[in-house]
Amino acid sequence: MLNRARAGRSSKTFILEGLWDNVLSEMHPGDIVLIQFGQNDGSPLDDAKARGSLPGLGDDTKAVTLPSGQKETVHHLRLVYAQIHRRHRGQRRPTPSC
């Protein structure tokens, strides 16, 4: 069992910081990933940490400008998981279940 949690991360920041790619690089066939997000996904979308996701299960997105001036498109948490699943489908390494 390996714990790759990082305090203060949301689903969005876990992916953007490359932490999900690190988890995948360590996986072997038959491995299982247990992952929980949600608490930090309710954070503001465009503050200094900019780690929030849109609430609900819809398909809409929201364009935000971060304090740094960088523009970003924010999705619902469900869409974040769906993007992970599509990104890794058909690869030899284990595929996350969404």
N, C-alpha and C. Protein backbone atom coordinates (compact mmCIF):
# COMPACT_ATOMS: atom_id res chain seq x y z
N MET A 1 0.84 -1.17 0.00
CA MET A 1 0.00 0.00 0.00
C MET A 1 0.90 1.24 0.00
N LEU A 2 0.57 2.15 -0.89
CA LEU A 2 1.28 3.42 -0.99
C LEU A 2 0.28 4.55 -0.81
N ASN A 3 0.66 5.57 -0.09
CA ASN A 3 -0.19 6.73 0.11
C ASN A 3 0.43 7.89 -0.65
N ARG A 4 -0.24 8.33 -1.70
CA ARG A 4 0.27 9.44 -2.53
C ARG A 4 -0.58 10.70 -2.36
N ALA A 5 -1.31 10.77 -1.24
CA ALA A 5 -2.14 11.95 -0.98
C ALA A 5 -1.24 13.17 -0.76
N ARG A 6 -1.76 14.32 -1.08
CA ARG A 6 -1.07 15.59 -0.85
C ARG A 6 -2.08 16.56 -0.27
N ALA A 7 -1.83 17.02 0.93
CA ALA A 7 -2.77 17.90 1.62
C ALA A 7 -3.06 19.15 0.80
N GLY A 8 -4.31 19.60 0.88
CA GLY A 8 -4.70 20.85 0.25
C GLY A 8 -4.90 20.79 -1.24
N ARG A 9 -4.92 19.59 -1.82
CA ARG A 9 -5.11 19.48 -3.26
C ARG A 9 -6.56 19.18 -3.58
N SER A 10 -6.97 19.60 -4.74
CA SER A 10 -8.28 19.25 -5.29
C SER A 10 -8.03 18.30 -6.44
N SER A 11 -9.10 17.82 -7.05
CA SER A 11 -8.90 16.97 -8.23
C SER A 11 -8.12 17.73 -9.29
N LYS A 12 -8.43 19.01 -9.44
CA LYS A 12 -7.78 19.83 -10.47
C LYS A 12 -6.29 20.02 -10.18
N THR A 13 -5.95 20.41 -8.96
CA THR A 13 -4.54 20.67 -8.66
C THR A 13 -3.73 19.37 -8.60
N PHE A 14 -4.37 18.28 -8.19
CA PHE A 14 -3.68 16.98 -8.17
C PHE A 14 -3.23 16.60 -9.58
N ILE A 15 -4.07 16.89 -10.56
CA ILE A 15 -3.74 16.59 -11.95
C ILE A 15 -2.74 17.60 -12.50
N LEU A 16 -3.02 18.90 -12.30
CA LEU A 16 -2.17 19.94 -12.87
C LEU A 16 -0.73 19.90 -12.34
N GLU A 17 -0.56 19.47 -11.10
CA GLU A 17 0.77 19.40 -10.51
C GLU A 17 1.52 18.12 -10.88
N GLY A 18 0.89 17.27 -11.69
CA GLY A 18 1.55 16.04 -12.13
C GLY A 18 1.49 14.91 -11.14
N LEU A 19 0.73 15.07 -10.07
CA LEU A 19 0.67 14.04 -9.03
C LEU A 19 -0.05 12.79 -9.52
N TRP A 20 -1.09 12.96 -10.35
CA TRP A 20 -1.79 11.79 -10.91
C TRP A 20 -0.87 11.03 -11.85
N ASP A 21 -0.10 11.73 -12.66
CA ASP A 21 0.85 11.04 -13.55
C ASP A 21 1.88 10.25 -12.74
N ASN A 22 2.28 10.78 -11.59
CA ASN A 22 3.22 10.05 -10.73
C ASN A 22 2.59 8.76 -10.22
N VAL A 23 1.33 8.83 -9.81
CA VAL A 23 0.62 7.63 -9.35
C VAL A 23 0.59 6.59 -10.47
N LEU A 24 0.20 7.02 -11.66
CA LEU A 24 0.11 6.08 -12.79
C LEU A 24 1.45 5.46 -13.14
N SER A 25 2.52 6.21 -13.03
CA SER A 25 3.83 5.68 -13.39
C SER A 25 4.29 4.59 -12.43
N GLU A 26 3.73 4.55 -11.23
CA GLU A 26 4.10 3.54 -10.24
C GLU A 26 3.19 2.31 -10.25
N MET A 27 2.14 2.35 -11.06
CA MET A 27 1.17 1.26 -11.04
C MET A 27 1.60 0.07 -11.88
N HIS A 28 1.09 -1.08 -11.47
CA HIS A 28 1.35 -2.34 -12.17
C HIS A 28 0.00 -3.02 -12.41
N PRO A 29 -0.08 -3.90 -13.40
CA PRO A 29 -1.34 -4.61 -13.64
C PRO A 29 -1.86 -5.25 -12.36
N GLY A 30 -3.13 -5.10 -12.12
CA GLY A 30 -3.76 -5.65 -10.93
C GLY A 30 -3.81 -4.68 -9.76
N ASP A 31 -3.08 -3.57 -9.84
CA ASP A 31 -3.13 -2.57 -8.77
C ASP A 31 -4.49 -1.90 -8.73
N ILE A 32 -4.86 -1.44 -7.57
CA ILE A 32 -6.12 -0.73 -7.37
C ILE A 32 -5.81 0.64 -6.77
N VAL A 33 -6.49 1.65 -7.29
CA VAL A 33 -6.33 3.01 -6.76
C VAL A 33 -7.60 3.39 -6.03
N LEU A 34 -7.46 3.80 -4.78
CA LEU A 34 -8.56 4.37 -4.03
C LEU A 34 -8.26 5.86 -3.92
N ILE A 35 -9.18 6.66 -4.37
CA ILE A 35 -8.93 8.10 -4.41
C ILE A 35 -10.20 8.84 -3.98
N GLN A 36 -10.02 9.89 -3.20
CA GLN A 36 -11.16 10.68 -2.74
C GLN A 36 -10.84 12.15 -2.93
N PHE A 37 -11.71 12.83 -3.62
CA PHE A 37 -11.62 14.27 -3.77
C PHE A 37 -12.97 14.86 -3.38
N GLY A 38 -13.02 16.12 -3.21
CA GLY A 38 -14.28 16.78 -2.96
C GLY A 38 -14.16 17.99 -2.06
N GLN A 39 -13.47 17.83 -0.92
CA GLN A 39 -13.41 18.93 0.04
C GLN A 39 -12.81 20.19 -0.57
N ASN A 40 -11.67 20.09 -1.21
CA ASN A 40 -11.02 21.26 -1.78
C ASN A 40 -11.56 21.64 -3.15
N ASP A 41 -12.36 20.76 -3.75
CA ASP A 41 -12.97 21.09 -5.03
C ASP A 41 -14.04 22.18 -4.88
N GLY A 42 -14.48 22.42 -3.66
CA GLY A 42 -15.44 23.47 -3.40
C GLY A 42 -14.80 24.83 -3.16
N SER A 43 -13.49 24.91 -3.29
CA SER A 43 -12.76 26.15 -3.08
C SER A 43 -13.04 27.14 -4.21
N PRO A 44 -12.68 28.41 -4.01
CA PRO A 44 -12.87 29.40 -5.08
C PRO A 44 -12.15 29.00 -6.37
N LEU A 45 -12.73 29.40 -7.48
CA LEU A 45 -12.17 29.05 -8.79
C LEU A 45 -10.99 29.93 -9.19
N ASP A 46 -10.95 31.13 -8.67
CA ASP A 46 -9.97 32.09 -9.21
C ASP A 46 -9.20 32.87 -8.13
N ASP A 47 -9.06 32.28 -6.93
CA ASP A 47 -8.25 32.95 -5.92
C ASP A 47 -6.79 32.53 -6.08
N ALA A 48 -5.95 32.85 -5.13
CA ALA A 48 -4.51 32.55 -5.24
C ALA A 48 -4.24 31.05 -5.39
N LYS A 49 -5.04 30.21 -4.74
CA LYS A 49 -4.83 28.76 -4.85
C LYS A 49 -5.54 28.17 -6.06
N ALA A 50 -6.63 28.77 -6.47
CA ALA A 50 -7.38 28.37 -7.68
C ALA A 50 -7.51 26.86 -7.83
N ARG A 51 -8.08 26.24 -6.83
CA ARG A 51 -8.16 24.78 -6.87
C ARG A 51 -9.58 24.24 -7.00
N GLY A 52 -10.57 25.11 -7.09
CA GLY A 52 -11.96 24.68 -7.11
C GLY A 52 -12.41 24.10 -8.44
N SER A 53 -13.49 23.33 -8.37
CA SER A 53 -14.19 22.81 -9.54
C SER A 53 -15.62 23.34 -9.48
N LEU A 54 -16.32 23.31 -10.59
CA LEU A 54 -17.72 23.73 -10.59
C LEU A 54 -18.56 22.71 -9.83
N PRO A 55 -19.55 23.17 -9.06
CA PRO A 55 -20.41 22.23 -8.35
C PRO A 55 -21.39 21.54 -9.29
N GLY A 56 -21.84 20.37 -8.90
CA GLY A 56 -22.86 19.67 -9.67
C GLY A 56 -22.28 18.69 -10.67
N LEU A 57 -23.14 18.22 -11.55
CA LEU A 57 -22.77 17.16 -12.49
C LEU A 57 -22.91 17.59 -13.94
N GLY A 58 -23.06 18.87 -14.20
CA GLY A 58 -23.30 19.33 -15.55
C GLY A 58 -22.10 19.26 -16.47
N ASP A 59 -22.32 19.65 -17.72
CA ASP A 59 -21.26 19.65 -18.72
C ASP A 59 -20.72 21.05 -19.00
N ASP A 60 -21.26 22.06 -18.30
CA ASP A 60 -20.82 23.41 -18.59
C ASP A 60 -19.43 23.69 -18.00
N THR A 61 -18.81 24.72 -18.48
CA THR A 61 -17.48 25.14 -18.02
C THR A 61 -17.53 26.63 -17.70
N LYS A 62 -16.51 27.11 -17.04
CA LYS A 62 -16.44 28.53 -16.73
C LYS A 62 -15.01 29.00 -16.98
N ALA A 63 -14.87 30.07 -17.77
CA ALA A 63 -13.56 30.67 -18.02
C ALA A 63 -13.25 31.62 -16.87
N VAL A 64 -12.08 31.49 -16.27
CA VAL A 64 -11.67 32.36 -15.19
C VAL A 64 -10.28 32.93 -15.49
N THR A 65 -9.99 34.05 -14.88
CA THR A 65 -8.64 34.63 -14.96
C THR A 65 -8.04 34.55 -13.56
N LEU A 66 -6.92 33.88 -13.46
CA LEU A 66 -6.24 33.70 -12.18
C LEU A 66 -5.54 34.99 -11.78
N PRO A 67 -5.18 35.15 -10.49
CA PRO A 67 -4.47 36.35 -10.06
C PRO A 67 -3.19 36.63 -10.85
N SER A 68 -2.59 35.58 -11.39
CA SER A 68 -1.37 35.73 -12.19
C SER A 68 -1.65 36.29 -13.58
N GLY A 69 -2.93 36.37 -13.96
CA GLY A 69 -3.32 36.81 -15.29
C GLY A 69 -3.55 35.66 -16.25
N GLN A 70 -3.16 34.45 -15.84
CA GLN A 70 -3.36 33.26 -16.67
C GLN A 70 -4.85 32.95 -16.77
N LYS A 71 -5.29 32.60 -17.97
CA LYS A 71 -6.69 32.23 -18.19
C LYS A 71 -6.80 30.70 -18.11
N GLU A 72 -7.93 30.25 -17.55
CA GLU A 72 -8.12 28.82 -17.34
C GLU A 72 -9.60 28.49 -17.50
N THR A 73 -9.88 27.29 -17.98
CA THR A 73 -11.25 26.80 -18.08
C THR A 73 -11.47 25.80 -16.96
N VAL A 74 -12.50 26.04 -16.15
CA VAL A 74 -12.80 25.19 -15.01
C VAL A 74 -13.99 24.30 -15.37
N HIS A 75 -13.92 23.03 -14.97
CA HIS A 75 -14.94 22.02 -15.27
C HIS A 75 -15.59 21.53 -13.99
N HIS A 76 -16.66 20.75 -14.16
CA HIS A 76 -17.26 20.03 -13.03
C HIS A 76 -16.35 18.88 -12.66
N LEU A 77 -16.37 18.48 -11.40
CA LEU A 77 -15.55 17.38 -10.92
C LEU A 77 -15.79 16.11 -11.74
N ARG A 78 -17.04 15.85 -12.11
CA ARG A 78 -17.35 14.66 -12.91
C ARG A 78 -16.60 14.69 -14.24
N LEU A 79 -16.51 15.86 -14.86
CA LEU A 79 -15.80 15.97 -16.13
C LEU A 79 -14.30 15.77 -15.96
N VAL A 80 -13.77 16.19 -14.82
CA VAL A 80 -12.35 15.96 -14.55
C VAL A 80 -12.07 14.46 -14.53
N TYR A 81 -12.90 13.69 -13.82
CA TYR A 81 -12.72 12.24 -13.77
C TYR A 81 -12.89 11.61 -15.15
N ALA A 82 -13.86 12.09 -15.91
CA ALA A 82 -14.09 11.55 -17.25
C ALA A 82 -12.88 11.82 -18.16
N GLN A 83 -12.26 12.99 -18.02
CA GLN A 83 -11.08 13.31 -18.81
C GLN A 83 -9.92 12.38 -18.46
N ILE A 84 -9.76 12.09 -17.18
CA ILE A 84 -8.71 11.15 -16.75
C ILE A 84 -8.96 9.80 -17.39
N HIS A 85 -10.20 9.33 -17.33
CA HIS A 85 -10.53 8.02 -17.87
C HIS A 85 -10.26 7.96 -19.37
N ARG A 86 -10.72 8.96 -20.12
CA ARG A 86 -10.49 8.98 -21.57
C ARG A 86 -9.00 9.07 -21.90
N ARG A 87 -8.27 9.83 -21.12
CA ARG A 87 -6.85 10.03 -21.38
C ARG A 87 -6.06 8.73 -21.28
N HIS A 88 -6.49 7.83 -20.39
CA HIS A 88 -5.72 6.63 -20.14
C HIS A 88 -6.36 5.36 -20.68
N ARG A 89 -7.51 5.47 -21.32
CA ARG A 89 -8.17 4.30 -21.90
C ARG A 89 -7.30 3.73 -23.01
N GLY A 90 -7.18 2.43 -23.05
CA GLY A 90 -6.43 1.77 -24.11
C GLY A 90 -4.93 1.72 -23.88
N GLN A 91 -4.46 2.27 -22.79
CA GLN A 91 -3.03 2.20 -22.50
C GLN A 91 -2.76 0.93 -21.72
N ARG A 92 -1.53 0.50 -21.72
CA ARG A 92 -1.19 -0.75 -21.04
C ARG A 92 -1.23 -0.63 -19.52
N ARG A 93 -0.98 0.55 -19.02
CA ARG A 93 -1.02 0.69 -17.57
C ARG A 93 -2.48 0.68 -17.10
N PRO A 94 -2.70 0.43 -15.81
CA PRO A 94 -4.06 0.34 -15.32
C PRO A 94 -4.86 1.60 -15.60
N THR A 95 -6.14 1.42 -15.86
CA THR A 95 -7.02 2.53 -16.19
C THR A 95 -7.87 2.86 -14.97
N PRO A 96 -7.95 4.14 -14.60
CA PRO A 96 -8.80 4.49 -13.46
C PRO A 96 -10.26 4.24 -13.78
N SER A 97 -11.02 3.92 -12.77
CA SER A 97 -12.45 3.71 -12.93
C SER A 97 -13.18 4.96 -12.48
N CYS A 98 -14.01 5.51 -13.34
CA CYS A 98 -14.72 6.75 -13.02
C CYS A 98 -16.17 6.47 -12.70
